[in-house]
Amino acid sequence: MKTTFTKNGLETRVKKGFSWVNLFFGFLVPLFHGDIARALLELVVGIITAGISWFIFPFFYNKHRANRLVDHGWVVKQ
């Protein structure tokens, strides 16, 4: 299931649940989406935990991204 967000005529979609892309590409996903702080967090925690966190972050990434979009003025499309 996907949630669609709109802002200034632009649309973006965020899947609900587990992020397979984040599982395979790790900190590069938030970096690609412009979330530098989250990318650095995932990179540092990944180094500290020897990569174990790469199996944990995908469970929370999509929800974090949806919340970040709302915080930046995006609106859920009905």
N, C-alpha and C. Protein backbone atom coordinates (compact mmCIF):
# COMPACT_ATOMS: atom_id res chain seq x y z
N MET A 1 0.84 -1.16 0.00
CA MET A 1 0.00 0.00 0.00
C MET A 1 0.89 1.24 0.00
N LYS A 2 0.51 2.24 -0.77
CA LYS A 2 1.28 3.47 -0.88
C LYS A 2 0.44 4.66 -0.44
N THR A 3 1.10 5.65 0.12
CA THR A 3 0.47 6.91 0.47
C THR A 3 1.03 7.97 -0.47
N THR A 4 0.16 8.79 -1.05
CA THR A 4 0.58 9.83 -1.96
C THR A 4 0.57 11.18 -1.25
N PHE A 5 1.64 11.94 -1.43
CA PHE A 5 1.76 13.26 -0.84
C PHE A 5 1.85 14.29 -1.96
N THR A 6 1.26 15.48 -1.76
CA THR A 6 1.32 16.54 -2.76
C THR A 6 1.82 17.83 -2.12
N LYS A 7 2.51 18.64 -2.95
CA LYS A 7 2.97 19.96 -2.54
C LYS A 7 3.28 20.75 -3.80
N ASN A 8 2.64 21.90 -3.96
CA ASN A 8 2.87 22.78 -5.10
C ASN A 8 2.72 22.07 -6.44
N GLY A 9 1.75 21.18 -6.54
CA GLY A 9 1.50 20.46 -7.78
C GLY A 9 2.38 19.24 -7.99
N LEU A 10 3.32 19.01 -7.13
CA LEU A 10 4.19 17.83 -7.23
C LEU A 10 3.60 16.70 -6.40
N GLU A 11 3.88 15.48 -6.80
CA GLU A 11 3.41 14.31 -6.06
C GLU A 11 4.58 13.37 -5.79
N THR A 12 4.52 12.73 -4.65
CA THR A 12 5.48 11.67 -4.33
C THR A 12 4.75 10.59 -3.56
N ARG A 13 5.21 9.38 -3.70
CA ARG A 13 4.57 8.24 -3.03
C ARG A 13 5.54 7.60 -2.05
N VAL A 14 4.98 7.15 -0.95
CA VAL A 14 5.76 6.44 0.06
C VAL A 14 5.03 5.15 0.39
N LYS A 15 5.73 4.04 0.26
CA LYS A 15 5.13 2.75 0.62
C LYS A 15 5.03 2.64 2.13
N LYS A 16 4.07 1.86 2.58
CA LYS A 16 3.95 1.60 4.01
C LYS A 16 4.67 0.30 4.34
N GLY A 17 5.25 0.25 5.52
CA GLY A 17 5.89 -0.98 5.97
C GLY A 17 7.38 -1.03 5.67
N PHE A 18 7.86 -2.22 5.41
CA PHE A 18 9.29 -2.52 5.25
C PHE A 18 9.85 -1.89 3.98
N SER A 19 11.06 -1.33 4.06
CA SER A 19 11.73 -0.72 2.91
C SER A 19 12.82 -1.65 2.39
N TRP A 20 12.50 -2.36 1.31
CA TRP A 20 13.48 -3.26 0.71
C TRP A 20 14.65 -2.49 0.13
N VAL A 21 14.38 -1.31 -0.41
CA VAL A 21 15.45 -0.50 -1.00
C VAL A 21 16.45 -0.11 0.09
N ASN A 22 15.95 0.27 1.26
CA ASN A 22 16.83 0.64 2.37
C ASN A 22 17.63 -0.57 2.85
N LEU A 23 17.06 -1.75 2.79
CA LEU A 23 17.79 -2.95 3.19
C LEU A 23 18.99 -3.19 2.28
N PHE A 24 18.80 -3.01 0.96
CA PHE A 24 19.87 -3.31 0.01
C PHE A 24 20.87 -2.18 -0.16
N PHE A 25 20.44 -0.92 -0.02
CA PHE A 25 21.32 0.22 -0.29
C PHE A 25 21.66 1.05 0.94
N GLY A 26 21.08 0.72 2.08
CA GLY A 26 21.45 1.35 3.35
C GLY A 26 21.35 2.86 3.37
N PHE A 27 22.42 3.51 3.82
CA PHE A 27 22.41 4.95 4.02
C PHE A 27 22.30 5.75 2.73
N LEU A 28 22.48 5.12 1.58
CA LEU A 28 22.37 5.84 0.31
C LEU A 28 20.94 6.27 0.00
N VAL A 29 19.96 5.55 0.51
CA VAL A 29 18.55 5.87 0.24
C VAL A 29 18.16 7.21 0.85
N PRO A 30 18.39 7.46 2.15
CA PRO A 30 18.05 8.78 2.67
C PRO A 30 18.91 9.88 2.03
N LEU A 31 20.14 9.56 1.67
CA LEU A 31 20.99 10.54 1.01
C LEU A 31 20.40 10.93 -0.35
N PHE A 32 19.90 9.95 -1.09
CA PHE A 32 19.26 10.20 -2.38
C PHE A 32 18.01 11.06 -2.22
N HIS A 33 17.26 10.86 -1.12
CA HIS A 33 16.04 11.63 -0.88
C HIS A 33 16.32 12.98 -0.23
N GLY A 34 17.57 13.33 -0.04
CA GLY A 34 17.93 14.63 0.50
C GLY A 34 17.92 14.72 2.01
N ASP A 35 17.85 13.61 2.69
CA ASP A 35 17.82 13.58 4.15
C ASP A 35 19.23 13.27 4.66
N ILE A 36 20.08 14.28 4.64
CA ILE A 36 21.49 14.09 4.97
C ILE A 36 21.68 13.65 6.42
N ALA A 37 20.90 14.22 7.33
CA ALA A 37 21.03 13.85 8.75
C ALA A 37 20.72 12.37 8.96
N ARG A 38 19.66 11.89 8.32
CA ARG A 38 19.30 10.47 8.46
C ARG A 38 20.37 9.58 7.82
N ALA A 39 20.92 10.02 6.68
CA ALA A 39 21.96 9.24 6.02
C ALA A 39 23.20 9.12 6.91
N LEU A 40 23.59 10.23 7.53
CA LEU A 40 24.74 10.19 8.44
C LEU A 40 24.46 9.31 9.65
N LEU A 41 23.24 9.40 10.18
CA LEU A 41 22.86 8.56 11.32
C LEU A 41 22.99 7.08 10.95
N GLU A 42 22.43 6.70 9.80
CA GLU A 42 22.49 5.29 9.39
C GLU A 42 23.93 4.85 9.13
N LEU A 43 24.75 5.73 8.57
CA LEU A 43 26.14 5.39 8.29
C LEU A 43 26.92 5.19 9.59
N VAL A 44 26.80 6.14 10.51
CA VAL A 44 27.55 6.05 11.77
C VAL A 44 27.10 4.85 12.60
N VAL A 45 25.79 4.67 12.74
CA VAL A 45 25.29 3.53 13.51
C VAL A 45 25.67 2.21 12.82
N GLY A 46 25.66 2.21 11.50
CA GLY A 46 26.07 1.01 10.76
C GLY A 46 27.52 0.65 11.01
N ILE A 47 28.38 1.66 11.09
CA ILE A 47 29.79 1.41 11.37
C ILE A 47 29.97 0.91 12.80
N ILE A 48 29.27 1.55 13.75
CA ILE A 48 29.40 1.17 15.16
C ILE A 48 28.90 -0.26 15.40
N THR A 49 27.80 -0.63 14.74
CA THR A 49 27.22 -1.96 14.97
C THR A 49 27.70 -3.00 13.96
N ALA A 50 28.72 -2.66 13.20
CA ALA A 50 29.29 -3.57 12.20
C ALA A 50 28.24 -4.04 11.19
N GLY A 51 27.32 -3.16 10.83
CA GLY A 51 26.33 -3.46 9.80
C GLY A 51 25.05 -4.11 10.28
N ILE A 52 24.96 -4.45 11.54
CA ILE A 52 23.75 -5.09 12.05
C ILE A 52 22.54 -4.17 11.93
N SER A 53 22.76 -2.86 12.10
CA SER A 53 21.65 -1.91 12.02
C SER A 53 21.01 -1.87 10.63
N TRP A 54 21.74 -2.33 9.60
CA TRP A 54 21.17 -2.34 8.26
C TRP A 54 19.97 -3.28 8.17
N PHE A 55 19.85 -4.19 9.11
CA PHE A 55 18.70 -5.09 9.14
C PHE A 55 17.57 -4.54 10.01
N ILE A 56 17.82 -3.45 10.72
CA ILE A 56 16.81 -2.85 11.60
C ILE A 56 16.19 -1.60 10.98
N PHE A 57 17.01 -0.72 10.40
CA PHE A 57 16.52 0.54 9.84
C PHE A 57 15.42 0.38 8.78
N PRO A 58 15.44 -0.64 7.92
CA PRO A 58 14.38 -0.76 6.91
C PRO A 58 12.97 -0.90 7.48
N PHE A 59 12.84 -1.35 8.71
CA PHE A 59 11.51 -1.47 9.31
C PHE A 59 10.92 -0.10 9.64
N PHE A 60 11.76 0.91 9.78
CA PHE A 60 11.31 2.23 10.22
C PHE A 60 11.47 3.32 9.17
N TYR A 61 12.19 3.06 8.07
CA TYR A 61 12.54 4.14 7.14
C TYR A 61 11.33 4.76 6.45
N ASN A 62 10.41 3.96 5.94
CA ASN A 62 9.27 4.53 5.21
C ASN A 62 8.41 5.41 6.11
N LYS A 63 8.21 5.02 7.35
CA LYS A 63 7.43 5.84 8.28
C LYS A 63 8.18 7.15 8.56
N HIS A 64 9.49 7.07 8.73
CA HIS A 64 10.29 8.27 8.95
C HIS A 64 10.18 9.21 7.76
N ARG A 65 10.25 8.67 6.55
CA ARG A 65 10.18 9.51 5.35
C ARG A 65 8.81 10.17 5.22
N ALA A 66 7.73 9.44 5.51
CA ALA A 66 6.39 10.02 5.45
C ALA A 66 6.25 11.14 6.47
N ASN A 67 6.74 10.93 7.68
CA ASN A 67 6.68 11.98 8.70
C ASN A 67 7.52 13.19 8.32
N ARG A 68 8.65 12.96 7.68
CA ARG A 68 9.52 14.06 7.25
C ARG A 68 8.83 14.89 6.16
N LEU A 69 8.14 14.22 5.24
CA LEU A 69 7.42 14.95 4.20
C LEU A 69 6.34 15.83 4.80
N VAL A 70 5.58 15.31 5.76
CA VAL A 70 4.53 16.10 6.42
C VAL A 70 5.16 17.28 7.15
N ASP A 71 6.28 17.08 7.80
CA ASP A 71 6.96 18.17 8.51
C ASP A 71 7.42 19.27 7.57
N HIS A 72 7.69 18.92 6.31
CA HIS A 72 8.14 19.90 5.34
C HIS A 72 7.00 20.45 4.47
N GLY A 73 5.77 20.26 4.90
CA GLY A 73 4.64 20.89 4.23
C GLY A 73 3.92 20.06 3.19
N TRP A 74 4.30 18.83 2.98
CA TRP A 74 3.59 17.96 2.05
C TRP A 74 2.27 17.53 2.68
N VAL A 75 1.25 17.36 1.86
CA VAL A 75 -0.08 17.01 2.34
C VAL A 75 -0.46 15.65 1.76
N VAL A 76 -1.09 14.82 2.59
CA VAL A 76 -1.56 13.52 2.13
C VAL A 76 -2.70 13.73 1.15
N LYS A 77 -2.59 13.13 -0.03
CA LYS A 77 -3.62 13.26 -1.06
C LYS A 77 -4.74 12.27 -0.76
N GLN A 78 -5.96 12.76 -0.79
CA GLN A 78 -7.13 11.92 -0.50
C GLN A 78 -7.53 11.13 -1.72
